[in-house]
């Protein structure tokens, strides 16, 4: 499992912002150009199906589904199809952390030991990791749990992970570096952070998500544990490692879910992304101060190129564009990338029913082609 981020957002934008002029395109022509670009990416990457969206303000500038949701039955992809969004889940976890912080149920400077059983025999450095360090991937924890078990004969699908296993793994975990020293991506860190939210609130993660994000935003098909009906509407999973594509079973999550377990749709992610770029005018229920903190880098990833990590988001910054804030994720059979431009109040979403860098490849092209629309007045 590669739990990715939109790593190439920087390079694609460097080309975009150097355009000699930015002008609004005719909407019909722009849509046709985007259609052709997405079809070309699908062919090059061998992606069975895509859902893509481009937003600005309250407007949906572009919303399309391409290809097949399921190859065997030839079911076409639709914008209502469900996907597992992988590490984009981490942005939901960070959002709920901020909500609990505003209610004084936790503090970002709290060490994790405050929320774990006293009987756990944790390494002292592990026990003192703060919630902010977990949220900004600066904890020093390894990328994945040391006792992680993967589905046999899979490229990296993790078997359901329990709270008991989380505790057992933490007791044997040692840090690669002191907390707060540098950035290092960690699924384990967000698995632990999701559990901390449960301990601080007294509610399980799925309930927290439903009560604090899904219902307030009016999301129709976002959650952690899909119903039978939702499973029937989920895109089939395809692994890029398979020479001949065959449908794979969706990732099944256990008790520990805050790092990758959320499923959603194009339209739901659009509502969620709009709430972020609308800021205090949105429906996240966060103060202006907290929103600013969540959109401000606290740990450099590549300082020379203006790339930083906020609590929950990757942040790139460019002259003429400002901040581009995003996250990506995959569960081997699905991949997702979302990004938004707070200054322009605009956003981009890509969902693919193939893992690897499928969504990343598509969002690179989509960002390049749609940037004139996003920057036009």
Protein backbone atom coordinates (compact mmCIF):
# COMPACT_ATOMS: atom_id res chain seq x y z
CA UNK A 1 0.00 0.00 0.00
CA UNK A 2 1.49 3.28 -1.07
CA UNK A 3 -0.89 5.72 0.69
CA UNK A 4 0.27 8.43 -1.63
CA UNK A 5 0.10 12.19 -1.79
CA UNK A 6 -0.13 14.30 -4.95
CA UNK A 7 3.66 14.24 -5.16
CA UNK A 8 3.91 15.71 -8.64
CA UNK A 9 1.58 18.63 -8.04
CA UNK A 10 4.66 20.83 -7.66
CA UNK A 11 6.19 20.00 -11.03
CA UNK A 12 2.95 20.33 -12.96
CA UNK A 13 2.18 23.71 -11.43
CA UNK A 14 5.65 25.04 -12.13
CA UNK A 15 4.82 24.71 -15.81
CA UNK A 16 1.34 26.11 -15.40
CA UNK A 17 2.25 29.30 -13.55
CA UNK A 18 4.80 30.25 -16.18
CA UNK A 19 2.12 30.56 -18.85
CA UNK A 20 2.48 34.01 -20.50
CA UNK A 21 -1.18 34.80 -20.00
CA UNK A 22 -4.19 33.23 -18.34
CA UNK A 23 -7.51 33.70 -20.04
CA UNK A 24 -10.89 32.06 -19.58
CA UNK A 25 -11.66 29.44 -22.20
CA UNK A 26 -14.99 28.87 -23.88
CA UNK A 27 -16.71 26.37 -21.59
CA UNK A 28 -17.67 23.97 -24.40
CA UNK A 29 -14.17 23.98 -25.85
CA UNK A 30 -12.61 23.60 -22.41
CA UNK A 31 -14.87 20.66 -21.58
CA UNK A 32 -14.01 18.93 -24.86
CA UNK A 33 -10.30 19.47 -24.25
CA UNK A 34 -10.58 18.03 -20.73
CA UNK A 35 -12.54 15.04 -22.06
CA UNK A 36 -9.79 14.21 -24.53
CA UNK A 37 -7.09 14.71 -21.92
CA UNK A 38 -8.75 12.35 -19.44
CA UNK A 39 -9.32 9.67 -22.09
CA UNK A 40 -5.65 9.92 -23.07
CA UNK A 41 -4.55 9.45 -19.45
CA UNK A 42 -6.81 6.43 -19.06
CA UNK A 43 -5.39 4.81 -22.18
CA UNK A 44 -1.79 5.51 -21.21
CA UNK A 45 -2.21 4.28 -17.62
CA UNK A 46 -4.61 1.43 -18.42
CA UNK A 47 -7.22 2.85 -16.03
CA UNK A 48 -10.65 1.18 -16.36
CA UNK A 49 -12.66 4.14 -15.07
CA UNK A 50 -12.36 7.70 -13.78
CA UNK A 51 -14.52 10.29 -12.06
CA UNK A 52 -13.24 13.86 -12.19
CA UNK A 53 -14.50 17.22 -11.01
CA UNK A 54 -13.40 20.87 -11.17
CA UNK A 55 -15.01 23.43 -8.83
CA UNK A 56 -14.82 27.18 -8.42
CA UNK A 57 -16.86 28.95 -5.78
CA UNK A 58 -20.35 27.48 -5.84
CA UNK A 59 -20.02 26.38 -9.45
CA UNK A 60 -19.15 22.94 -10.79
CA UNK A 61 -17.09 23.77 -13.87
CA UNK A 62 -16.53 20.19 -14.91
CA UNK A 63 -18.02 16.89 -13.72
CA UNK A 64 -17.51 13.72 -15.74
CA UNK A 65 -17.26 9.94 -15.45
CA UNK A 66 -15.28 7.91 -17.94
CA UNK A 67 -14.87 4.25 -18.75
CA UNK A 68 -16.16 1.32 -16.77
CA UNK A 69 -17.04 0.82 -13.15
CA UNK A 70 -16.75 -2.93 -13.75
CA UNK A 71 -15.05 -4.46 -16.78
CA UNK A 72 -16.59 -7.93 -16.61
CA UNK A 73 -20.19 -6.70 -16.67
CA UNK A 74 -19.40 -3.59 -18.76
CA UNK A 75 -21.12 -1.39 -16.18
CA UNK A 76 -20.27 2.18 -17.04
CA UNK A 77 -18.66 4.51 -14.53
CA UNK A 78 -20.99 7.20 -13.20
CA UNK A 79 -20.44 10.26 -11.03
CA UNK A 80 -22.47 8.51 -8.31
CA UNK A 81 -20.07 5.54 -8.09
CA UNK A 82 -18.46 4.93 -4.69
CA UNK A 83 -14.70 4.64 -4.10
CA UNK A 84 -12.40 3.95 -1.18
CA UNK A 85 -10.30 7.11 -0.92
CA UNK A 86 -7.32 5.73 1.01
CA UNK A 87 -5.13 8.33 2.64
CA UNK A 88 -7.47 11.18 1.77
CA UNK A 89 -9.09 9.81 4.94
CA UNK A 90 -6.28 11.50 6.84
CA UNK A 91 -7.75 14.91 6.02
CA UNK A 92 -11.04 13.84 7.62
CA UNK A 93 -9.12 12.66 10.69
CA UNK A 94 -7.27 15.98 10.98
CA UNK A 95 -10.53 17.90 10.55
CA UNK A 96 -12.19 16.02 13.42
CA UNK A 97 -9.08 16.48 15.55
CA UNK A 98 -9.45 20.23 15.09
CA UNK A 99 -13.15 20.09 15.97
CA UNK A 100 -12.39 18.22 19.21
CA UNK A 101 -9.64 20.71 19.96
CA UNK A 102 -12.06 23.63 19.68
CA UNK A 103 -14.36 21.84 22.13
CA UNK A 104 -11.38 21.45 24.49
CA UNK A 105 -11.61 17.66 24.39
CA UNK A 106 -7.96 17.49 23.37
CA UNK A 107 -4.96 19.73 22.80
CA UNK A 108 -2.49 19.54 19.93
CA UNK A 109 0.42 19.63 22.37
CA UNK A 110 -0.91 16.65 24.34
CA UNK A 111 1.39 13.57 24.35
CA UNK A 112 -0.27 10.39 23.09
CA UNK A 113 0.21 8.67 26.45
CA UNK A 114 -2.64 10.81 27.81
CA UNK A 115 -5.07 8.84 25.63
CA UNK A 116 -3.60 5.35 25.98
CA UNK A 117 -3.86 2.76 28.80
CA UNK A 118 -1.27 3.33 31.52
CA UNK A 119 -0.36 -0.36 31.46
CA UNK A 120 1.09 -0.10 27.93
CA UNK A 121 4.87 -0.54 28.01
CA UNK A 122 5.70 2.18 25.49
CA UNK A 123 9.13 3.44 24.64
CA UNK A 124 9.48 6.83 26.36
CA UNK A 125 9.96 8.68 23.07
CA UNK A 126 6.83 7.10 21.62
CA UNK A 127 4.79 8.00 24.69
CA UNK A 128 5.76 11.68 24.36
CA UNK A 129 4.76 12.14 20.70
CA UNK A 130 2.25 14.99 20.48
CA UNK A 131 -0.98 15.01 18.51
CA UNK A 132 0.37 17.81 16.30
CA UNK A 133 3.38 15.66 15.45
CA UNK A 134 1.09 12.77 14.52
CA UNK A 135 -1.06 15.04 12.35
CA UNK A 136 1.92 16.60 10.56
CA UNK A 137 3.87 13.37 9.97
CA UNK A 138 6.76 14.52 12.15
CA UNK A 139 6.44 11.89 14.90
CA UNK A 140 9.34 9.68 13.90
CA UNK A 141 7.02 6.65 13.79
CA UNK A 142 7.59 4.10 11.01
CA UNK A 143 5.45 4.30 7.90
CA UNK A 144 3.39 1.24 8.85
CA UNK A 145 2.75 -0.80 12.04
CA UNK A 146 5.52 -3.24 12.82
CA UNK A 147 2.93 -6.02 13.23
CA UNK A 148 0.99 -5.19 10.08
CA UNK A 149 -0.36 -8.23 8.23
CA UNK A 150 -1.17 -8.06 4.55
CA UNK A 151 -3.71 -9.99 2.52
CA UNK A 152 -1.93 -13.02 1.00
CA UNK A 153 -1.01 -12.68 -2.67
CA UNK A 154 -1.75 -8.97 -2.71
CA UNK A 155 0.57 -6.05 -3.56
CA UNK A 156 -0.07 -4.54 -0.12
CA UNK A 157 -3.63 -4.78 1.16
CA UNK A 158 -3.58 -4.67 4.93
CA UNK A 159 -5.71 -7.17 6.82
CA UNK A 160 -8.21 -5.77 9.36
CA UNK A 161 -6.28 -4.23 12.27
CA UNK A 162 -7.67 -4.24 15.80
CA UNK A 163 -7.11 -1.93 18.75
CA UNK A 164 -5.40 -4.80 20.54
CA UNK A 165 -2.97 -5.19 17.63
CA UNK A 166 -2.37 -1.42 17.63
CA UNK A 167 -1.39 -1.56 21.30
CA UNK A 168 0.84 -4.62 20.84
CA UNK A 169 2.59 -3.04 17.89
CA UNK A 170 3.15 0.25 19.68
CA UNK A 171 4.85 -1.51 22.57
CA UNK A 172 7.52 -2.80 20.20
CA UNK A 173 7.85 0.38 18.13
CA UNK A 174 10.93 2.57 18.14
CA UNK A 175 11.27 5.96 16.47
CA UNK A 176 13.51 6.64 13.48
CA UNK A 177 14.25 10.13 14.81
CA UNK A 178 13.20 12.43 17.63
CA UNK A 179 9.63 13.74 17.32
CA UNK A 180 9.32 17.08 15.57
CA UNK A 181 12.74 16.97 13.95
CA UNK A 182 11.68 16.24 10.38
CA UNK A 183 8.89 15.02 8.15
CA UNK A 184 8.33 11.31 7.57
CA UNK A 185 5.05 9.94 6.23
CA UNK A 186 3.38 7.52 8.65
CA UNK A 187 0.18 5.54 8.25
CA UNK A 188 0.79 4.28 11.78
CA UNK A 189 0.76 7.87 13.03
CA UNK A 190 -2.71 8.47 11.64
CA UNK A 191 -3.92 5.06 12.77
CA UNK A 192 -2.93 6.14 16.28
CA UNK A 193 -4.39 9.63 15.85
CA UNK A 194 -7.76 8.20 14.79
CA UNK A 195 -7.75 6.06 17.92
CA UNK A 196 -6.88 9.09 20.07
CA UNK A 197 -9.96 10.87 18.71
CA UNK A 198 -12.08 7.94 19.83
CA UNK A 199 -10.57 8.03 23.31
CA UNK A 200 -10.95 11.80 23.63
CA UNK A 201 -14.58 11.85 22.45
CA UNK A 202 -15.88 8.53 23.76
CA UNK A 203 -17.20 7.65 20.28
CA UNK A 204 -15.90 5.33 17.60
CA UNK A 205 -14.39 6.82 14.44
CA UNK A 206 -17.31 5.93 12.17
CA UNK A 207 -19.75 7.69 14.53
CA UNK A 208 -17.48 10.73 14.81
CA UNK A 209 -17.29 10.98 11.04
CA UNK A 210 -21.05 10.70 10.67
CA UNK A 211 -21.86 13.22 13.38
CA UNK A 212 -19.16 15.80 12.68
CA UNK A 213 -18.68 15.79 8.92
CA UNK A 214 -21.13 13.59 7.01
CA UNK A 215 -24.40 14.89 8.41
CA UNK A 216 -23.41 18.57 8.83
CA UNK A 217 -22.19 18.72 5.23
CA UNK A 218 -25.09 16.66 3.88
CA UNK A 219 -22.89 13.94 2.40
CA UNK A 220 -24.96 11.08 1.05
CA UNK A 221 -22.43 8.31 0.48
CA UNK A 222 -19.43 8.86 2.73
CA UNK A 223 -18.47 6.66 5.64
CA UNK A 224 -16.18 3.92 6.91
CA UNK A 225 -18.12 0.67 6.83
CA UNK A 226 -20.21 0.48 3.63
CA UNK A 227 -23.64 -1.11 3.68
CA UNK A 228 -24.55 -3.90 1.27
CA UNK A 229 -26.26 -1.35 -0.95
CA UNK A 230 -23.18 0.89 -0.93
CA UNK A 231 -20.92 -2.06 -1.73
CA UNK A 232 -23.11 -2.86 -4.71
CA UNK A 233 -22.52 0.67 -6.01
CA UNK A 234 -18.77 0.71 -5.41
CA UNK A 235 -16.36 0.62 -8.32
CA UNK A 236 -14.59 -2.69 -8.81
CA UNK A 237 -11.00 -2.68 -7.59
CA UNK A 238 -8.25 -3.26 -10.14
CA UNK A 239 -4.60 -3.69 -9.30
CA UNK A 240 -1.96 -2.28 -11.66
CA UNK A 241 0.23 -5.28 -10.82
CA UNK A 242 -2.18 -7.63 -12.62
CA UNK A 243 -1.11 -8.23 -16.23
CA UNK A 244 -4.70 -9.08 -17.08
CA UNK A 245 -7.10 -6.92 -15.09
CA UNK A 246 -9.48 -8.82 -12.88
CA UNK A 247 -11.83 -7.52 -10.23
CA UNK A 248 -10.49 -7.65 -6.69
CA UNK A 249 -12.33 -7.46 -3.39
CA UNK A 250 -12.46 -4.07 -1.61
CA UNK A 251 -10.17 -3.44 1.32
CA UNK A 252 -11.87 -4.54 4.55
CA UNK A 253 -10.94 -2.44 7.58
CA UNK A 254 -11.06 -3.45 11.23
CA UNK A 255 -11.23 -1.30 14.36
CA UNK A 256 -8.32 1.00 13.47
CA UNK A 257 -9.44 3.10 10.52
CA UNK A 258 -8.34 6.75 10.77
CA UNK A 259 -5.47 6.39 8.30
CA UNK A 260 -7.28 5.13 5.18
CA UNK A 261 -10.78 3.68 5.60
CA UNK A 262 -13.13 6.40 4.30
CA UNK A 263 -15.21 5.76 1.19
CA UNK A 264 -16.95 8.51 -0.76
CA UNK A 265 -18.15 9.77 -4.14
CA UNK A 266 -17.18 12.55 -6.50
CA UNK A 267 -20.07 14.77 -5.42
CA UNK A 268 -19.54 14.19 -1.70
CA UNK A 269 -15.84 15.02 -2.03
CA UNK A 270 -16.83 18.14 -3.94
CA UNK A 271 -19.00 19.29 -1.03
CA UNK A 272 -16.20 18.49 1.41
CA UNK A 273 -13.57 20.31 -0.65
CA UNK A 274 -15.86 23.33 -1.09
CA UNK A 275 -16.30 23.54 2.68
CA UNK A 276 -12.53 23.79 2.97
CA UNK A 277 -11.98 26.53 0.44
CA UNK A 278 -15.00 28.49 1.67
CA UNK A 279 -13.32 28.75 5.07
CA UNK A 280 -15.47 30.24 7.82
CA UNK A 281 -18.31 30.58 5.31
CA UNK A 282 -18.29 26.80 4.88
CA UNK A 283 -19.85 24.11 7.02
CA UNK A 284 -16.90 22.58 8.87
CA UNK A 285 -17.74 24.43 12.06
CA UNK A 286 -14.19 25.63 12.65
CA UNK A 287 -13.02 29.08 13.64
CA UNK A 288 -10.99 31.26 11.30
CA UNK A 289 -7.96 30.79 13.55
CA UNK A 290 -8.20 27.01 13.46
CA UNK A 291 -8.79 26.93 9.70
CA UNK A 292 -5.69 29.05 9.19
CA UNK A 293 -3.67 26.70 11.38
CA UNK A 294 -4.79 23.68 9.39
CA UNK A 295 -3.82 25.41 6.15
CA UNK A 296 -0.40 26.56 7.34
CA UNK A 297 2.70 24.43 6.97
CA UNK A 298 4.30 23.37 10.25
CA UNK A 299 6.90 20.91 8.94
CA UNK A 300 9.00 21.44 5.79
CA UNK A 301 9.01 18.60 3.27
CA UNK A 302 11.13 20.39 0.66
CA UNK A 303 11.83 23.89 1.90
CA UNK A 304 13.83 24.83 -1.20
CA UNK A 305 10.76 24.28 -3.37
CA UNK A 306 8.12 25.65 -1.00
CA UNK A 307 6.56 22.33 0.00
CA UNK A 308 5.31 21.90 3.57
CA UNK A 309 3.02 19.75 5.69
CA UNK A 310 0.17 21.22 7.67
CA UNK A 311 -1.86 19.21 10.19
CA UNK A 312 -3.53 16.99 7.59
CA UNK A 313 -2.61 18.56 4.22
CA UNK A 314 0.29 18.90 1.81
CA UNK A 315 0.87 22.54 0.90
CA UNK A 316 2.67 23.94 -2.15
CA UNK A 317 2.95 27.67 -2.77
CA UNK A 318 3.65 29.50 -6.04
CA UNK A 319 3.88 33.10 -7.25
CA UNK A 320 0.77 34.09 -9.12
CA UNK A 321 -1.22 31.17 -7.73
CA UNK A 322 -0.73 31.14 -3.97
CA UNK A 323 -1.25 27.98 -1.98
CA UNK A 324 -2.28 24.68 -3.49
CA UNK A 325 -3.43 22.36 -0.72
CA UNK A 326 -4.07 18.69 -1.34
CA UNK A 327 -3.81 15.04 -0.47
CA UNK A 328 -3.90 11.74 -2.28
CA UNK A 329 -4.47 8.15 -1.37
CA UNK A 330 -4.87 4.62 -2.62
CA UNK A 331 -5.92 1.19 -1.43
CA UNK A 332 -4.21 -0.66 -4.31
CA UNK A 333 -7.48 -1.14 -6.18
CA UNK A 334 -8.71 2.46 -5.94
CA UNK A 335 -6.87 5.78 -5.95
CA UNK A 336 -7.91 9.35 -5.23
CA UNK A 337 -6.44 12.85 -5.33
CA UNK A 338 -8.03 16.09 -4.15
CA UNK A 339 -6.59 19.61 -4.18
CA UNK A 340 -7.89 23.12 -3.61
CA UNK A 341 -6.75 26.69 -4.09
CA UNK A 342 -7.99 28.78 -1.14
CA UNK A 343 -7.18 32.13 -2.80
CA UNK A 344 -9.20 31.28 -5.91
CA UNK A 345 -11.79 29.26 -3.96
CA UNK A 346 -11.41 26.39 -6.39
CA UNK A 347 -10.86 22.65 -6.21
CA UNK A 348 -10.08 19.53 -8.23
CA UNK A 349 -11.01 15.88 -7.58
CA UNK A 350 -9.93 12.65 -9.27
CA UNK A 351 -11.13 9.13 -8.44
CA UNK A 352 -9.90 6.01 -10.26
CA UNK A 353 -10.75 2.33 -9.91
CA UNK A 354 -7.10 1.39 -10.15
CA UNK A 355 -4.37 1.80 -7.57
CA UNK A 356 -0.77 2.91 -7.97
CA UNK A 357 -0.29 6.39 -9.38
CA UNK A 358 -3.51 6.33 -11.43
CA UNK A 359 -5.23 9.28 -9.75
CA UNK A 360 -1.94 11.19 -9.52
CA UNK A 361 -1.37 10.85 -13.25
CA UNK A 362 -4.88 12.09 -13.98
CA UNK A 363 -4.76 15.05 -11.57
CA UNK A 364 -1.49 16.25 -13.10
CA UNK A 365 -3.13 16.56 -16.50
CA UNK A 366 -6.43 17.84 -15.11
CA UNK A 367 -4.66 20.57 -13.13
CA UNK A 368 -2.67 21.67 -16.16
CA UNK A 369 -5.67 21.79 -18.45
CA UNK A 370 -8.09 23.39 -16.00
CA UNK A 371 -5.78 25.99 -14.46
CA UNK A 372 -6.91 28.74 -16.89
CA UNK A 373 -10.49 28.19 -15.70
CA UNK A 374 -9.46 28.26 -12.05
CA UNK A 375 -7.40 31.44 -12.33
CA UNK A 376 -9.73 33.39 -14.62
CA UNK A 377 -11.74 36.24 -13.12
